[in-house]
Amino acid sequence: MSEVEGDRDGKGVLPRHIAIIMDGNGRWAKERGQARHKGHQAGAEAAREVIATAGELGVPVLSLFAFSSENWSRPATEVNRLMDLFRRALKQALPKLHENGVRVRFLGDRRRFPEDLQTRMAEAEALTADNQSLTLNICAGYGGRWDILESCRRLARDVAAGKLNPEDIDESGFAAGLSLADVPAPDLFIRTGGERRLSNFFLWDLAYTELYFSERLWPDFGGDALREAVTDFGERERRFGRVADNEGEASA
């Protein structure tokens, strides 16, 4: 994992990486007597605002949990509507993202997505590959357990091929096979909608992440709400298993 010196110590610092579970679209629509897909549409608008605000704040990496590996079990009509929304959102948002220097990446198992969407994902990544203002990870078909298993399979293949001794496997080698291998682990995790679960999101990478839970449903979580979460993060003292400076010498 890459590190940015100084960002992990002290108070008032900006998170290098924010990871968000965008929860509550369906409930938002239900409260308004609307179909679920209307909530997803409103959620897409909220996502655009949050991405823009992250860029304004200078956050280097933003990860949005857009579609989990478990979401494939939803009714086919809802999944199909989500795929259509995905297509439209990508077509509408990509030019602006590229113009603003956003690097777009898709994390997850793409094999179950329609072929045209897989192509669009690859094209978006290629178009924005050299952008540097913000790395936007769109987690689609993603699951934390899937991510861990993929790294395990990579290591198992290396061992079977005689390229690696099992005794030489360590945390850094394992992490190198995860989806977030080339960016810092999330400093701040946000979940909207009032639920307090990780829901199979970045299970390895959230080990020392600060957790922030919002009662707001995702379509109501805009730029101001993100700023509130970042302010709350800046007021926390992160110890990473150590004791505070005023409690004596640091220990593991």
Protein backbone atom coordinates (compact mmCIF):
# COMPACT_ATOMS: atom_id res chain seq x y z
CA MET A 1 0.00 0.00 0.00
CA SER A 2 1.24 3.47 -0.78
CA GLU A 3 1.61 6.04 1.99
CA VAL A 4 1.54 9.81 2.12
CA GLU A 5 3.85 11.04 4.87
CA GLY A 6 2.16 13.02 7.61
CA ASP A 7 -1.45 12.32 6.63
CA ARG A 8 -1.94 9.72 9.36
CA ASP A 9 -0.73 11.77 12.32
CA GLY A 10 -2.32 14.60 14.23
CA LYS A 11 -5.75 16.22 14.02
CA GLY A 12 -7.43 18.25 11.33
CA VAL A 13 -5.90 16.30 8.46
CA LEU A 14 -7.73 15.48 5.26
CA PRO A 15 -8.50 11.81 4.63
CA ARG A 16 -6.45 10.45 1.76
CA HIS A 17 -9.15 7.96 0.88
CA ILE A 18 -12.88 8.03 1.60
CA ALA A 19 -14.97 4.90 1.05
CA ILE A 20 -18.77 5.17 1.02
CA ILE A 21 -21.65 2.71 1.12
CA MET A 22 -24.44 4.65 -0.55
CA ASP A 23 -27.41 3.16 1.32
CA GLY A 24 -31.05 4.23 1.41
CA ASN A 25 -32.13 4.80 -2.20
CA GLY A 26 -35.07 2.39 -1.99
CA ARG A 27 -36.31 3.74 1.33
CA TRP A 28 -35.99 7.30 0.04
CA ALA A 29 -38.28 6.43 -2.87
CA LYS A 30 -40.73 4.52 -0.67
CA GLU A 31 -41.10 7.49 1.69
CA ARG A 32 -42.19 9.53 -1.33
CA GLY A 33 -44.51 6.93 -2.78
CA GLN A 34 -42.21 6.40 -5.75
CA ALA A 35 -40.82 3.30 -7.44
CA ARG A 36 -37.40 2.07 -6.27
CA HIS A 37 -35.69 3.06 -9.49
CA LYS A 38 -36.58 6.69 -8.77
CA GLY A 39 -34.54 6.39 -5.60
CA HIS A 40 -31.59 5.03 -7.56
CA GLN A 41 -31.86 7.94 -9.99
CA ALA A 42 -31.83 10.41 -7.09
CA GLY A 43 -28.88 8.51 -5.63
CA ALA A 44 -26.94 8.97 -8.86
CA GLU A 45 -27.41 12.73 -8.55
CA ALA A 46 -26.16 12.61 -4.95
CA ALA A 47 -23.12 10.66 -6.11
CA ARG A 48 -22.25 13.34 -8.67
CA GLU A 49 -22.44 16.03 -5.97
CA VAL A 50 -20.29 14.04 -3.55
CA ILE A 51 -17.67 13.37 -6.23
CA ALA A 52 -17.51 17.07 -7.05
CA THR A 53 -17.17 17.99 -3.37
CA ALA A 54 -14.42 15.42 -2.81
CA GLY A 55 -12.54 17.02 -5.69
CA GLU A 56 -13.04 20.50 -4.24
CA LEU A 57 -11.75 19.34 -0.85
CA GLY A 58 -8.67 17.80 -2.43
CA VAL A 59 -9.37 14.22 -1.34
CA PRO A 60 -7.00 12.03 -3.40
CA VAL A 61 -9.13 8.85 -3.53
CA LEU A 62 -12.89 8.25 -3.33
CA SER A 63 -14.48 4.79 -3.46
CA LEU A 64 -18.22 4.37 -3.96
CA PHE A 65 -19.96 1.04 -3.36
CA ALA A 66 -22.32 1.16 -6.34
CA PHE A 67 -23.29 -2.51 -6.76
CA SER A 68 -22.25 -5.37 -4.54
CA SER A 69 -21.73 -9.00 -5.46
CA GLU A 70 -24.84 -9.75 -3.37
CA ASN A 71 -26.98 -7.31 -5.38
CA TRP A 72 -27.16 -9.81 -8.23
CA SER A 73 -29.74 -11.69 -6.13
CA ARG A 74 -32.21 -8.79 -6.35
CA PRO A 75 -35.26 -9.15 -8.65
CA ALA A 76 -34.26 -9.21 -12.31
CA THR A 77 -36.38 -6.15 -13.12
CA GLU A 78 -34.52 -4.08 -10.52
CA VAL A 79 -31.11 -5.35 -11.66
CA ASN A 80 -31.97 -4.51 -15.27
CA ARG A 81 -33.03 -0.99 -14.28
CA LEU A 82 -29.79 -0.57 -12.36
CA MET A 83 -27.80 -1.65 -15.42
CA ASP A 84 -29.68 0.91 -17.54
CA LEU A 85 -29.03 3.60 -14.94
CA PHE A 86 -25.38 2.60 -14.87
CA ARG A 87 -25.15 3.06 -18.64
CA ARG A 88 -26.83 6.48 -18.58
CA ALA A 89 -24.89 7.74 -15.58
CA LEU A 90 -21.59 6.68 -17.10
CA LYS A 91 -22.40 8.30 -20.45
CA GLN A 92 -23.53 11.56 -18.84
CA ALA A 93 -20.88 11.87 -16.16
CA LEU A 94 -17.73 10.65 -17.92
CA PRO A 95 -17.02 13.76 -20.04
CA LYS A 96 -17.20 16.02 -16.98
CA LEU A 97 -15.13 13.65 -14.87
CA HIS A 98 -12.45 13.53 -17.54
CA GLU A 99 -12.53 17.31 -17.95
CA ASN A 100 -11.98 17.68 -14.19
CA GLY A 101 -9.01 15.32 -14.18
CA VAL A 102 -10.74 12.41 -12.44
CA ARG A 103 -9.25 8.96 -12.91
CA VAL A 104 -12.08 6.41 -13.06
CA ARG A 105 -11.59 2.79 -12.08
CA PHE A 106 -14.05 -0.08 -11.64
CA LEU A 107 -13.36 -2.56 -8.85
CA GLY A 108 -15.09 -5.92 -8.74
CA ASP A 109 -15.92 -9.00 -10.78
CA ARG A 110 -17.15 -7.70 -14.14
CA ARG A 111 -17.95 -11.05 -15.71
CA ARG A 112 -21.67 -10.95 -14.92
CA PHE A 113 -22.18 -7.47 -16.34
CA PRO A 114 -23.58 -7.13 -19.87
CA GLU A 115 -20.82 -7.07 -22.47
CA ASP A 116 -21.58 -3.51 -23.54
CA LEU A 117 -21.15 -2.31 -19.96
CA GLN A 118 -17.89 -4.18 -19.60
CA THR A 119 -16.71 -2.41 -22.75
CA ARG A 120 -17.79 0.98 -21.44
CA MET A 121 -16.00 0.38 -18.16
CA ALA A 122 -12.77 -0.46 -19.96
CA GLU A 123 -13.12 2.57 -22.24
CA ALA A 124 -13.72 4.90 -19.28
CA GLU A 125 -10.64 3.57 -17.52
CA ALA A 126 -8.50 3.96 -20.62
CA LEU A 127 -9.74 7.50 -21.29
CA THR A 128 -9.03 8.72 -17.74
CA ALA A 129 -5.96 6.61 -16.93
CA ASP A 130 -3.55 9.56 -16.81
CA ASN A 131 -5.78 11.91 -14.79
CA GLN A 132 -4.46 12.88 -11.38
CA SER A 133 -6.84 15.24 -9.56
CA LEU A 134 -8.93 12.45 -7.98
CA THR A 135 -9.01 8.67 -8.24
CA LEU A 136 -12.63 7.52 -8.30
CA ASN A 137 -13.14 3.82 -7.56
CA ILE A 138 -16.58 2.64 -8.59
CA CYS A 139 -17.10 -0.68 -6.85
CA ALA A 140 -19.42 -2.73 -9.05
CA GLY A 141 -19.89 -6.46 -8.66
CA TYR A 142 -17.55 -6.05 -5.71
CA GLY A 143 -17.41 -8.04 -2.48
CA GLY A 144 -14.76 -7.97 0.22
CA ARG A 145 -14.68 -11.76 0.47
CA TRP A 146 -14.31 -12.03 -3.31
CA ASP A 147 -11.41 -9.58 -3.14
CA ILE A 148 -9.65 -11.63 -0.45
CA LEU A 149 -10.22 -14.89 -2.31
CA GLU A 150 -8.78 -13.41 -5.50
CA SER A 151 -5.58 -12.50 -3.65
CA CYS A 152 -5.45 -15.98 -2.10
CA ARG A 153 -5.81 -17.58 -5.53
CA ARG A 154 -2.98 -15.44 -6.90
CA LEU A 155 -0.70 -16.50 -4.06
CA ALA A 156 -1.74 -20.15 -4.45
CA ARG A 157 -0.84 -20.07 -8.14
CA ASP A 158 2.55 -18.58 -7.34
CA VAL A 159 3.21 -21.27 -4.74
CA ALA A 160 2.10 -24.04 -7.13
CA ALA A 161 4.40 -22.65 -9.81
CA GLY A 162 7.34 -22.62 -7.44
CA LYS A 163 7.62 -18.83 -7.53
CA LEU A 164 6.80 -18.36 -3.85
CA ASN A 165 7.39 -20.22 -0.61
CA PRO A 166 4.35 -20.35 1.72
CA GLU A 167 6.57 -19.19 4.58
CA ASP A 168 7.33 -15.99 2.67
CA ILE A 169 3.69 -14.88 2.44
CA ASP A 170 3.21 -11.75 4.54
CA GLU A 171 0.65 -8.96 4.86
CA SER A 172 2.25 -6.76 2.22
CA GLY A 173 2.40 -9.60 -0.29
CA PHE A 174 -1.22 -10.49 0.37
CA ALA A 175 -2.36 -6.86 0.11
CA ALA A 176 -0.58 -6.53 -3.22
CA GLY A 177 -3.24 -8.77 -4.75
CA LEU A 178 -6.22 -6.76 -3.51
CA SER A 179 -8.23 -4.23 -5.49
CA LEU A 180 -6.78 -1.29 -3.52
CA ALA A 181 -3.17 -2.40 -3.87
CA ASP A 182 -2.01 0.82 -5.54
CA VAL A 183 -3.82 3.39 -3.37
CA PRO A 184 -3.86 4.13 0.38
CA ALA A 185 -6.29 2.16 2.50
CA PRO A 186 -9.43 4.15 3.36
CA ASP A 187 -8.94 6.63 6.18
CA LEU A 188 -12.66 7.35 6.43
CA PHE A 189 -15.57 4.98 5.84
CA ILE A 190 -19.05 6.47 5.49
CA ARG A 191 -22.34 4.60 5.43
CA THR A 192 -25.61 6.41 4.94
CA GLY A 193 -29.15 5.27 5.67
CA GLY A 194 -28.77 4.58 9.38
CA GLU A 195 -27.40 1.03 9.09
CA ARG A 196 -24.20 0.16 10.96
CA ARG A 197 -22.63 -2.66 9.00
CA LEU A 198 -19.68 -3.07 6.64
CA SER A 199 -21.74 -5.29 4.32
CA ASN A 200 -18.76 -7.10 2.78
CA PHE A 201 -17.01 -3.89 1.71
CA PHE A 202 -13.18 -3.65 1.76
CA LEU A 203 -12.96 -6.17 4.61
CA TRP A 204 -9.15 -6.30 4.67
CA ASP A 205 -8.59 -2.61 4.00
CA LEU A 206 -10.86 -1.19 6.72
CA ALA A 207 -8.81 -2.59 9.61
CA TYR A 208 -7.88 0.85 11.00
CA THR A 209 -10.37 3.02 9.14
CA GLU A 210 -12.46 5.60 11.00
CA LEU A 211 -16.16 4.70 10.73
CA TYR A 212 -18.86 7.32 10.20
CA PHE A 213 -22.55 6.41 10.09
CA SER A 214 -25.17 8.87 8.89
CA GLU A 215 -28.92 8.66 9.38
CA ARG A 216 -29.42 10.48 6.08
CA LEU A 217 -30.65 8.36 3.20
CA TRP A 218 -28.16 8.48 0.34
CA PRO A 219 -30.13 10.82 -1.97
CA ASP A 220 -30.15 13.36 0.88
CA PHE A 221 -26.41 13.03 1.50
CA GLY A 222 -24.83 15.78 -0.55
CA GLY A 223 -21.72 17.90 -0.51
CA ASP A 224 -22.46 19.59 2.83
CA ALA A 225 -22.95 16.20 4.49
CA LEU A 226 -19.61 15.03 3.13
CA ARG A 227 -17.93 18.12 4.52
CA GLU A 228 -19.47 17.38 7.93
CA ALA A 229 -18.08 13.85 7.84
CA VAL A 230 -14.62 15.10 6.87
CA THR A 231 -14.72 17.67 9.68
CA ASP A 232 -15.66 14.93 12.15
CA PHE A 233 -12.76 12.82 10.87
CA GLY A 234 -10.34 15.71 11.36
CA GLU A 235 -11.31 15.97 15.03
CA ARG A 236 -10.52 12.35 15.81
CA GLU A 237 -7.26 11.04 17.20
CA ARG A 238 -6.05 7.99 15.30
CA ARG A 239 -3.78 5.64 17.27
CA PHE A 240 -3.34 2.56 15.05
CA GLY A 241 -2.90 0.32 18.10
CA ARG A 242 -0.65 2.80 19.92
CA VAL A 243 -1.39 4.74 23.09
CA ALA A 244 -1.85 8.50 22.98
CA ASP A 245 1.22 10.70 23.47
CA ASN A 246 -0.03 11.86 26.84
CA GLU A 247 -0.45 8.30 28.09
CA GLY A 248 3.19 7.34 28.02
CA GLU A 249 5.40 5.62 25.50
CA ALA A 250 3.82 4.21 22.38
CA SER A 251 3.14 0.48 22.37
CA ALA A 252 1.71 -1.99 19.86
